[in-house]
C-alpha atoms as a PDB file:
ATOM      1  CA  MET A   1     -43.487  -8.318 -35.105  1.00  0.00           C
ATOM      2  CA  ILE A   2     -44.025 -11.489 -33.092  1.00  0.00           C
ATOM      3  CA  ASP A   3     -43.863 -11.404 -29.296  1.00  0.00           C
ATOM      4  CA  PHE A   4     -41.908 -14.535 -28.449  1.00  0.00           C
ATOM      5  CA  HIS A   5     -42.580 -14.602 -24.697  1.00  0.00           C
ATOM      6  CA  CYS A   6     -45.799 -13.524 -22.996  1.00  0.00           C
ATOM      7  CA  HIS A   7     -47.940 -14.591 -20.035  1.00  0.00           C
ATOM      8  CA  ILE A   8     -51.237 -13.505 -21.530  1.00  0.00           C
ATOM      9  CA  ILE A   9     -53.403 -16.577 -20.827  1.00  0.00           C
ATOM     10  CA  PRO A  10     -55.545 -15.706 -17.778  1.00  0.00           C
ATOM     11  CA  LEU A  11     -55.620 -17.468 -14.426  1.00  0.00           C
ATOM     12  CA  ILE A  12     -52.924 -20.004 -15.260  1.00  0.00           C
ATOM     13  CA  ASP A  13     -49.732 -18.664 -13.644  1.00  0.00           C
ATOM     14  CA  ASP A  14     -48.426 -15.343 -12.291  1.00  0.00           C
ATOM     15  CA  GLY A  15     -49.483 -13.610 -15.502  1.00  0.00           C
ATOM     16  CA  SER A  16     -52.874 -12.185 -16.464  1.00  0.00           C
ATOM     17  CA  ARG A  17     -55.346 -12.252 -13.590  1.00  0.00           C
ATOM     18  CA  SER A  18     -58.552 -12.276 -15.645  1.00  0.00           C
ATOM     19  CA  MET A  19     -59.949 -12.578 -19.158  1.00  0.00           C
ATOM     20  CA  GLU A  20     -60.539  -8.815 -19.096  1.00  0.00           C
ATOM     21  CA  GLU A  21     -56.864  -8.176 -18.374  1.00  0.00           C
ATOM     22  CA  SER A  22     -55.813 -10.590 -21.133  1.00  0.00           C
ATOM     23  CA  ILE A  23     -57.955  -8.675 -23.620  1.00  0.00           C
ATOM     24  CA  LEU A  24     -56.349  -5.394 -22.518  1.00  0.00           C
ATOM     25  CA  ILE A  25     -52.873  -6.930 -22.903  1.00  0.00           C
ATOM     26  CA  ALA A  26     -53.777  -8.095 -26.408  1.00  0.00           C
ATOM     27  CA  LYS A  27     -55.002  -4.598 -27.295  1.00  0.00           C
ATOM     28  CA  GLU A  28     -51.731  -3.132 -26.035  1.00  0.00           C
ATOM     29  CA  ALA A  29     -49.769  -5.662 -28.083  1.00  0.00           C
ATOM     30  CA  GLU A  30     -51.709  -4.854 -31.236  1.00  0.00           C
ATOM     31  CA  LYS A  31     -51.252  -1.106 -30.707  1.00  0.00           C
ATOM     32  CA  SER A  32     -47.507  -1.671 -30.211  1.00  0.00           C
ATOM     33  CA  GLY A  33     -47.178  -3.393 -33.581  1.00  0.00           C
ATOM     34  CA  PHE A  34     -47.327  -7.074 -32.651  1.00  0.00           C
ATOM     35  CA  LYS A  35     -49.316  -9.268 -35.019  1.00  0.00           C
ATOM     36  CA  SER A  36     -48.719 -12.524 -33.117  1.00  0.00           C
ATOM     37  CA  ILE A  37     -47.859 -13.731 -29.620  1.00  0.00           C
ATOM     38  CA  PHE A  38     -46.420 -16.987 -28.326  1.00  0.00           C
ATOM     39  CA  CYS A  39     -48.383 -17.690 -25.144  1.00  0.00           C
ATOM     40  CA  THR A  40     -45.713 -19.017 -22.811  1.00  0.00           C
ATOM     41  CA  SER A  41     -47.348 -19.717 -19.466  1.00  0.00           C
ATOM     42  CA  HIS A  42     -45.065 -21.122 -16.779  1.00  0.00           C
ATOM     43  CA  PHE A  43     -44.715 -24.879 -16.540  1.00  0.00           C
ATOM     44  CA  MET A  44     -42.870 -26.079 -13.471  1.00  0.00           C
ATOM     45  CA  GLU A  45     -42.596 -29.068 -11.244  1.00  0.00           C
ATOM     46  CA  GLU A  46     -44.525 -27.745  -8.269  1.00  0.00           C
ATOM     47  CA  SER A  47     -47.480 -26.127 -10.016  1.00  0.00           C
ATOM     48  CA  TYR A  48     -48.049 -27.128 -13.595  1.00  0.00           C
ATOM     49  CA  ILE A  49     -51.400 -27.641 -15.258  1.00  0.00           C
ATOM     50  CA  LEU A  50     -52.187 -30.260 -17.845  1.00  0.00           C
ATOM     51  CA  LYS A  51     -51.389 -29.560 -21.476  1.00  0.00           C
ATOM     52  CA  ASP A  52     -55.049 -30.006 -22.492  1.00  0.00           C
ATOM     53  CA  GLU A  53     -56.175 -27.458 -19.902  1.00  0.00           C
ATOM     54  CA  ASN A  54     -53.594 -24.963 -21.140  1.00  0.00           C
ATOM     55  CA  GLN A  55     -54.866 -25.424 -24.702  1.00  0.00           C
ATOM     56  CA  PHE A  56     -58.490 -25.042 -23.573  1.00  0.00           C
ATOM     57  CA  LEU A  57     -57.734 -21.697 -21.911  1.00  0.00           C
ATOM     58  CA  LEU A  58     -55.785 -20.557 -24.973  1.00  0.00           C
ATOM     59  CA  ASN A  59     -58.709 -21.407 -27.264  1.00  0.00           C
ATOM     60  CA  ASN A  60     -61.074 -19.455 -25.014  1.00  0.00           C
ATOM     61  CA  LEU A  61     -58.812 -16.419 -25.215  1.00  0.00           C
ATOM     62  CA  ARG A  62     -58.609 -16.735 -29.015  1.00  0.00           C
ATOM     63  CA  GLU A  63     -62.408 -16.686 -29.194  1.00  0.00           C
ATOM     64  CA  GLN A  64     -62.581 -13.580 -27.012  1.00  0.00           C
ATOM     65  CA  LEU A  65     -60.080 -11.735 -29.198  1.00  0.00           C
ATOM     66  CA  ILE A  66     -62.233 -12.498 -32.255  1.00  0.00           C
ATOM     67  CA  LEU A  67     -65.294 -11.141 -30.454  1.00  0.00           C
ATOM     68  CA  GLU A  68     -63.350  -8.003 -29.525  1.00  0.00           C
ATOM     69  CA  SER A  69     -62.038  -7.613 -33.126  1.00  0.00           C
ATOM     70  CA  ILE A  70     -58.436  -7.722 -31.924  1.00  0.00           C
ATOM     71  CA  ASP A  71     -56.187  -8.741 -34.801  1.00  0.00           C
ATOM     72  CA  VAL A  72     -53.507 -10.661 -32.888  1.00  0.00           C
ATOM     73  CA  ASN A  73     -52.704 -14.323 -33.500  1.00  0.00           C
ATOM     74  CA  LEU A  74     -52.013 -16.483 -30.454  1.00  0.00           C
ATOM     75  CA  TYR A  75     -49.596 -19.423 -30.650  1.00  0.00           C
ATOM     76  CA  SER A  76     -49.281 -22.175 -28.074  1.00  0.00           C
ATOM     77  CA  GLY A  77     -46.293 -22.709 -25.819  1.00  0.00           C
ATOM     78  CA  ASN A  78     -44.954 -22.877 -22.286  1.00  0.00           C
ATOM     79  CA  GLU A  79     -42.024 -21.430 -20.410  1.00  0.00           C
ATOM     80  CA  VAL A  80     -40.645 -24.633 -18.934  1.00  0.00           C
ATOM     81  CA  TYR A  81     -38.614 -24.325 -15.751  1.00  0.00           C
ATOM     82  CA  ILE A  82     -35.624 -26.644 -15.940  1.00  0.00           C
ATOM     83  CA  SER A  83     -35.871 -29.842 -13.916  1.00  0.00           C
ATOM     84  CA  LEU A  84     -34.239 -33.236 -13.730  1.00  0.00           C
ATOM     85  CA  ASP A  85     -37.664 -34.500 -14.837  1.00  0.00           C
ATOM     86  CA  LEU A  86     -37.745 -32.398 -18.016  1.00  0.00           C
ATOM     87  CA  ILE A  87     -36.867 -35.287 -20.330  1.00  0.00           C
ATOM     88  CA  ASP A  88     -39.597 -37.371 -18.719  1.00  0.00           C
ATOM     89  CA  TRP A  89     -42.020 -34.494 -19.365  1.00  0.00           C
ATOM     90  CA  ILE A  90     -40.975 -34.558 -23.030  1.00  0.00           C
ATOM     91  CA  ASP A  91     -41.512 -38.317 -23.218  1.00  0.00           C
ATOM     92  CA  LYS A  92     -44.959 -37.993 -21.639  1.00  0.00           C
ATOM     93  CA  ASN A  93     -45.907 -34.950 -23.770  1.00  0.00           C
ATOM     94  CA  LYS A  94     -46.723 -32.922 -20.647  1.00  0.00           C
ATOM     95  CA  PHE A  95     -45.944 -29.376 -21.781  1.00  0.00           C
ATOM     96  CA  GLN A  96     -46.503 -27.380 -24.939  1.00  0.00           C
ATOM     97  CA  THR A  97     -43.662 -26.752 -27.293  1.00  0.00           C
ATOM     98  CA  LEU A  98     -43.828 -23.542 -29.342  1.00  0.00           C
ATOM     99  CA  ASN A  99     -46.714 -24.020 -31.780  1.00  0.00           C
ATOM    100  CA  ASN A 100     -46.214 -27.797 -31.404  1.00  0.00           C
ATOM    101  CA  SER A 101     -42.778 -27.514 -33.008  1.00  0.00           C
ATOM    102  CA  LYS A 102     -39.423 -29.024 -32.024  1.00  0.00           C
ATOM    103  CA  TYR A 103     -38.614 -25.783 -30.183  1.00  0.00           C
ATOM    104  CA  PHE A 104     -39.437 -25.129 -26.531  1.00  0.00           C
ATOM    105  CA  LEU A 105     -38.829 -22.141 -24.262  1.00  0.00           C
ATOM    106  CA  MET A 106     -36.896 -22.971 -21.094  1.00  0.00           C
ATOM    107  CA  GLU A 107     -36.148 -20.940 -17.983  1.00  0.00           C
ATOM    108  CA  ILE A 108     -33.295 -21.595 -15.568  1.00  0.00           C
ATOM    109  CA  PRO A 109     -32.536 -20.216 -12.065  1.00  0.00           C
ATOM    110  CA  MET A 110     -31.586 -16.542 -11.890  1.00  0.00           C
ATOM    111  CA  GLN A 111     -28.835 -16.746  -9.300  1.00  0.00           C
ATOM    112  CA  VAL A 112     -27.116 -20.130  -9.628  1.00  0.00           C
ATOM    113  CA  LYS A 113     -25.704 -22.190 -12.462  1.00  0.00           C
ATOM    114  CA  VAL A 114     -27.515 -25.516 -12.924  1.00  0.00           C
ATOM    115  CA  SER A 115     -25.033 -28.382 -12.788  1.00  0.00           C
ATOM    116  CA  TYR A 116     -27.148 -30.581 -15.058  1.00  0.00           C
ATOM    117  CA  LEU A 117     -27.939 -27.913 -17.695  1.00  0.00           C
ATOM    118  CA  ASN A 118     -25.711 -29.408 -20.406  1.00  0.00           C
ATOM    119  CA  ASP A 119     -27.004 -32.904 -19.705  1.00  0.00           C
ATOM    120  CA  ILE A 120     -30.657 -31.839 -20.081  1.00  0.00           C
ATOM    121  CA  ILE A 121     -29.861 -29.935 -23.271  1.00  0.00           C
ATOM    122  CA  PHE A 122     -27.963 -32.902 -24.745  1.00  0.00           C
ATOM    123  CA  LYS A 123     -30.765 -35.366 -23.958  1.00  0.00           C
ATOM    124  CA  ALA A 124     -33.470 -33.035 -25.305  1.00  0.00           C
ATOM    125  CA  MET A 125     -31.550 -32.583 -28.545  1.00  0.00           C
ATOM    126  CA  LEU A 126     -31.058 -36.321 -28.895  1.00  0.00           C
ATOM    127  CA  LYS A 127     -34.840 -36.549 -28.969  1.00  0.00           C
ATOM    128  CA  GLY A 128     -34.998 -33.910 -31.706  1.00  0.00           C
ATOM    129  CA  TYR A 129     -35.955 -30.911 -29.565  1.00  0.00           C
ATOM    130  CA  ILE A 130     -34.231 -27.518 -29.496  1.00  0.00           C
ATOM    131  CA  PRO A 131     -34.202 -25.530 -26.240  1.00  0.00           C
ATOM    132  CA  ILE A 132     -34.579 -21.765 -26.408  1.00  0.00           C
ATOM    133  CA  ILE A 133     -33.404 -20.301 -23.114  1.00  0.00           C
ATOM    134  CA  ALA A 134     -35.424 -17.312 -21.912  1.00  0.00           C
ATOM    135  CA  HIS A 135     -33.849 -13.969 -20.936  1.00  0.00           C
ATOM    136  CA  PRO A 136     -30.202 -15.038 -20.430  1.00  0.00           C
ATOM    137  CA  GLU A 137     -29.285 -11.425 -19.655  1.00  0.00           C
ATOM    138  CA  ARG A 138     -31.085 -11.798 -16.319  1.00  0.00           C
ATOM    139  CA  TYR A 139     -29.018 -14.766 -15.098  1.00  0.00           C
ATOM    140  CA  LYS A 140     -26.185 -13.830 -12.770  1.00  0.00           C
ATOM    141  CA  PHE A 141     -23.717 -16.346 -14.180  1.00  0.00           C
ATOM    142  CA  VAL A 142     -24.261 -14.871 -17.664  1.00  0.00           C
ATOM    143  CA  GLN A 143     -23.745 -11.370 -16.297  1.00  0.00           C
ATOM    144  CA  ASP A 144     -20.472 -12.582 -14.762  1.00  0.00           C
ATOM    145  CA  ASP A 145     -19.373 -14.314 -17.978  1.00  0.00           C
ATOM    146  CA  PRO A 146     -21.366 -13.612 -21.170  1.00  0.00           C
ATOM    147  CA  ASN A 147     -19.039 -15.946 -23.095  1.00  0.00           C
ATOM    148  CA  PHE A 148     -20.590 -18.883 -21.237  1.00  0.00           C
ATOM    149  CA  LEU A 149     -23.314 -18.833 -23.893  1.00  0.00           C
ATOM    150  CA  ILE A 150     -20.953 -19.386 -26.812  1.00  0.00           C
ATOM    151  CA  SER A 151     -20.499 -23.149 -26.390  1.00  0.00           C
ATOM    152  CA  LEU A 152     -24.263 -23.567 -25.917  1.00  0.00           C
ATOM    153  CA  ILE A 153     -25.008 -21.625 -29.100  1.00  0.00           C
ATOM    154  CA  GLU A 154     -22.426 -23.674 -30.991  1.00  0.00           C
ATOM    155  CA  SER A 155     -24.203 -26.829 -29.799  1.00  0.00           C
ATOM    156  CA  GLY A 156     -27.535 -25.535 -31.155  1.00  0.00           C
ATOM    157  CA  VAL A 157     -29.140 -23.794 -28.167  1.00  0.00           C
ATOM    158  CA  LEU A 158     -30.949 -20.514 -28.888  1.00  0.00           C
ATOM    159  CA  PHE A 159     -31.622 -17.501 -26.658  1.00  0.00           C
ATOM    160  CA  GLN A 160     -34.488 -15.022 -26.193  1.00  0.00           C
ATOM    161  CA  MET A 161     -33.994 -11.551 -24.718  1.00  0.00           C
ATOM    162  CA  ASN A 162     -36.639  -9.405 -23.036  1.00  0.00           C
ATOM    163  CA  TYR A 163     -37.343  -5.997 -24.602  1.00  0.00           C
ATOM    164  CA  GLY A 164     -37.452  -4.426 -21.146  1.00  0.00           C
ATOM    165  CA  SER A 165     -33.929  -5.563 -20.343  1.00  0.00           C
ATOM    166  CA  ILE A 166     -32.334  -3.088 -22.737  1.00  0.00           C
ATOM    167  CA  LEU A 167     -34.206  -0.256 -20.984  1.00  0.00           C
ATOM    168  CA  GLY A 168     -33.023  -1.176 -17.500  1.00  0.00           C
ATOM    169  CA  PHE A 169     -36.345  -2.601 -16.283  1.00  0.00           C
ATOM    170  CA  TYR A 170     -34.484  -5.300 -14.363  1.00  0.00           C
ATOM    171  CA  GLY A 171     -31.520  -3.167 -13.311  1.00  0.00           C
ATOM    172  CA  LYS A 172     -28.369  -1.681 -14.807  1.00  0.00           C
ATOM    173  CA  GLN A 173     -26.399  -4.937 -14.835  1.00  0.00           C
ATOM    174  CA  VAL A 174     -29.124  -6.657 -16.853  1.00  0.00           C
ATOM    175  CA  GLU A 175     -29.218  -3.693 -19.239  1.00  0.00           C
ATOM    176  CA  LYS A 176     -25.447  -3.862 -19.729  1.00  0.00           C
ATOM    177  CA  THR A 177     -25.501  -7.630 -20.274  1.00  0.00           C
ATOM    178  CA  ALA A 178     -28.364  -7.360 -22.772  1.00  0.00           C
ATOM    179  CA  ALA A 179     -26.315  -4.925 -24.870  1.00  0.00           C
ATOM    180  CA  ILE A 180     -23.274  -7.228 -24.721  1.00  0.00           C
ATOM    181  CA  LEU A 181     -25.281 -10.247 -25.854  1.00  0.00           C
ATOM    182  CA  LEU A 182     -26.865  -8.314 -28.713  1.00  0.00           C
ATOM    183  CA  LYS A 183     -23.526  -6.955 -29.937  1.00  0.00           C
ATOM    184  CA  ASN A 184     -21.926 -10.409 -29.869  1.00  0.00           C
ATOM    185  CA  ASN A 185     -24.659 -12.323 -31.767  1.00  0.00           C
ATOM    186  CA  MET A 186     -25.846 -14.240 -28.707  1.00  0.00           C
ATOM    187  CA  ILE A 187     -29.571 -13.374 -28.978  1.00  0.00           C
ATOM    188  CA  HIS A 188     -31.983 -14.968 -31.477  1.00  0.00           C
ATOM    189  CA  PHE A 189     -35.463 -13.852 -30.360  1.00  0.00           C
ATOM    190  CA  LEU A 190     -37.115 -10.918 -28.592  1.00  0.00           C
ATOM    191  CA  GLY A 191     -40.075 -11.092 -26.242  1.00  0.00           C
ATOM    192  CA  SER A 192     -41.938  -8.791 -23.902  1.00  0.00           C
ATOM    193  CA  ASP A 193     -42.319 -11.317 -21.048  1.00  0.00           C
ATOM    194  CA  THR A 194     -45.481  -9.370 -20.267  1.00  0.00           C
ATOM    195  CA  HIS A 195     -47.377 -10.481 -17.157  1.00  0.00           C
ATOM    196  CA  ARG A 196     -49.654  -7.494 -16.576  1.00  0.00           C
ATOM    197  CA  LYS A 197     -51.474  -4.771 -18.481  1.00  0.00           C
ATOM    198  CA  ASN A 198     -49.862  -1.344 -18.783  1.00  0.00           C
ATOM    199  CA  THR A 199     -46.273  -2.543 -18.313  1.00  0.00           C
ATOM    200  CA  PHE A 200     -43.821  -3.361 -21.109  1.00  0.00           C
ATOM    201  CA  TYR A 201     -45.784  -2.743 -24.313  1.00  0.00           C
ATOM    202  CA  LYS A 202     -46.036   0.997 -23.693  1.00  0.00           C
ATOM    203  CA  ASN A 203     -42.222   1.178 -23.808  1.00  0.00           C
ATOM    204  CA  ILE A 204     -41.673  -1.031 -26.862  1.00  0.00           C
ATOM    205  CA  ASP A 205     -40.875   1.824 -29.253  1.00  0.00           C
ATOM    206  CA  GLN A 206     -38.080   3.028 -27.006  1.00  0.00           C
ATOM    207  CA  ALA A 207     -36.681  -0.509 -26.685  1.00  0.00           C
ATOM    208  CA  ILE A 208     -36.848  -1.082 -30.450  1.00  0.00           C
ATOM    209  CA  LEU A 209     -34.940   2.123 -31.159  1.00  0.00           C
ATOM    210  CA  LYS A 210     -32.191   1.189 -28.709  1.00  0.00           C
ATOM    211  CA  ILE A 211     -31.904  -2.372 -30.048  1.00  0.00           C
ATOM    212  CA  LYS A 212     -31.723  -1.150 -33.643  1.00  0.00           C
ATOM    213  CA  ASN A 213     -28.970   1.263 -32.671  1.00  0.00           C
ATOM    214  CA  ILE A 214     -26.972  -1.704 -31.371  1.00  0.00           C
ATOM    215  CA  ILE A 215     -27.539  -4.337 -34.080  1.00  0.00           C
ATOM    216  CA  GLY A 216     -29.111  -2.541 -37.033  1.00  0.00           C
ATOM    217  CA  GLU A 217     -32.422  -2.815 -38.874  1.00  0.00           C
ATOM    218  CA  GLU A 218     -31.813  -6.146 -40.628  1.00  0.00           C
ATOM    219  CA  ALA A 219     -30.704  -8.018 -37.516  1.00  0.00           C
ATOM    220  CA  PHE A 220     -33.630  -6.573 -35.564  1.00  0.00           C
ATOM    221  CA  GLU A 221     -35.992  -7.946 -38.215  1.00  0.00           C
ATOM    222  CA  ASP A 222     -34.515 -11.409 -37.675  1.00  0.00           C
ATOM    223  CA  LEU A 223     -34.856 -11.246 -33.891  1.00  0.00           C
ATOM    224  CA  SER A 224     -38.315  -9.667 -33.788  1.00  0.00           C
ATOM    225  CA  LEU A 225     -39.978 -11.519 -36.683  1.00  0.00           C
ATOM    226  CA  ASN A 226     -38.071 -13.798 -39.066  1.00  0.00           C
ATOM    227  CA  ASN A 227     -36.674 -16.293 -36.562  1.00  0.00           C
ATOM    228  CA  ALA A 228     -40.030 -16.546 -34.782  1.00  0.00           C
ATOM    229  CA  GLN A 229     -41.721 -17.301 -38.114  1.00  0.00           C
ATOM    230  CA  ILE A 230     -39.249 -20.132 -38.662  1.00  0.00           C
ATOM    231  CA  VAL A 231     -40.134 -21.561 -35.241  1.00  0.00           C
ATOM    232  CA  PHE A 232     -43.828 -21.277 -36.086  1.00  0.00           C
ATOM    233  CA  LYS A 233     -43.207 -23.314 -39.261  1.00  0.00           C
ATOM    234  CA  ASN A 234     -40.904 -25.754 -37.423  1.00  0.00           C
ATOM    235  CA  GLY A 235     -38.030 -24.860 -39.743  1.00  0.00           C
ATOM    236  CA  ASN A 236     -34.302 -24.578 -39.133  1.00  0.00           C
ATOM    237  CA  ILE A 237     -32.808 -21.321 -37.929  1.00  0.00           C
ATOM    238  CA  LYS A 238     -29.486 -20.137 -39.308  1.00  0.00           C
ATOM    239  CA  THR A 239     -27.601 -18.243 -36.632  1.00  0.00           C
ATOM    240  CA  LYS A 240     -24.667 -15.872 -36.865  1.00  0.00           C
ATOM    241  CA  ASN A 241     -21.475 -17.040 -35.208  1.00  0.00           C
ATOM    242  CA  PRO A 242     -21.247 -15.593 -31.690  1.00  0.00           C
ATOM    243  CA  THR A 243     -18.205 -13.461 -31.006  1.00  0.00           C
ATOM    244  CA  ILE A 244     -16.126 -13.454 -27.841  1.00  0.00           C
ATOM    245  CA  TYR A 245     -16.851 -10.597 -25.473  1.00  0.00           C
ATOM    246  CA  LYS A 246     -13.682  -8.898 -24.291  1.00  0.00           C
ATOM    247  CA  LYS A 247     -14.021  -6.877 -21.126  1.00  0.00           C
ATOM    248  CA  PRO A 248     -12.868  -3.261 -21.469  1.00  0.00           C
ATOM    249  CA  PHE A 249      -9.451  -2.670 -19.931  1.00  0.00           C
ATOM    250  CA  PHE A 250      -9.100   0.342 -17.693  1.00  0.00           C
ATOM    251  CA  LYS A 251      -5.836   1.393 -16.083  1.00  0.00           C
ATOM    252  CA  SER A 252      -6.045   1.926 -12.357  1.00  0.00           C
ATOM    253  CA  HIS A 253      -5.293   5.344 -10.947  1.00  0.00           C
ATOM    254  CA  SER A 254      -2.139   3.970  -9.320  1.00  0.00           C
ATOM    255  CA  SER A 255      -0.671   3.093 -12.720  1.00  0.00           C
ATOM    256  CA  LEU A 256      -1.296   6.502 -14.283  1.00  0.00           C
END
């Protein structure tokens, strides 16, 4: 498996707090069955570090994993927080795409819908880049209307779900939305979104079992490995057509 979303690089964002913790996280990942990790440290307007510095810290961590005999490959990346300046950041090569590919991981606000989301996506795609939006199941407007993602998927946008979401780590509504998105072909990648040692990796087996029960073995293989390998190679991902989510209809007690 490939972990598509992880804050394992130390002392760079709200993720790992030391090289020692990063090594422990890598050990947990390896024990949980992950052979590779996309290192997606936060990149945002107020507090981003330079791309070269991010790469330097990543290389240091790679060297430490070799010294510790930890067999986990680390790929470059960022989790880019959406901004009106995002296209300028692309033009100036400020953040790291996923393994220097045309794909980049993007985060949007949890509680409000961004009015310029479609515009940013359109402009990024015009430049040949493909946004992958992180953990859509956690966004309130997606919880309110999962079908909002359909037009974005049809335009070429991809989506990454957190393993912990399906286990209720972020609440029942997130858990419910995660299941809906999986069932309706609206998820393309899976990631731990790990920030600390001894958190999500220890529950991966339980999450995998639940996800497989929803989408099956073959689809899980696509979301946990195959699609991530295509990103690594800068290839083109073939997605299944998303299906419309229909809310269950329940008769009120007054109508019984």
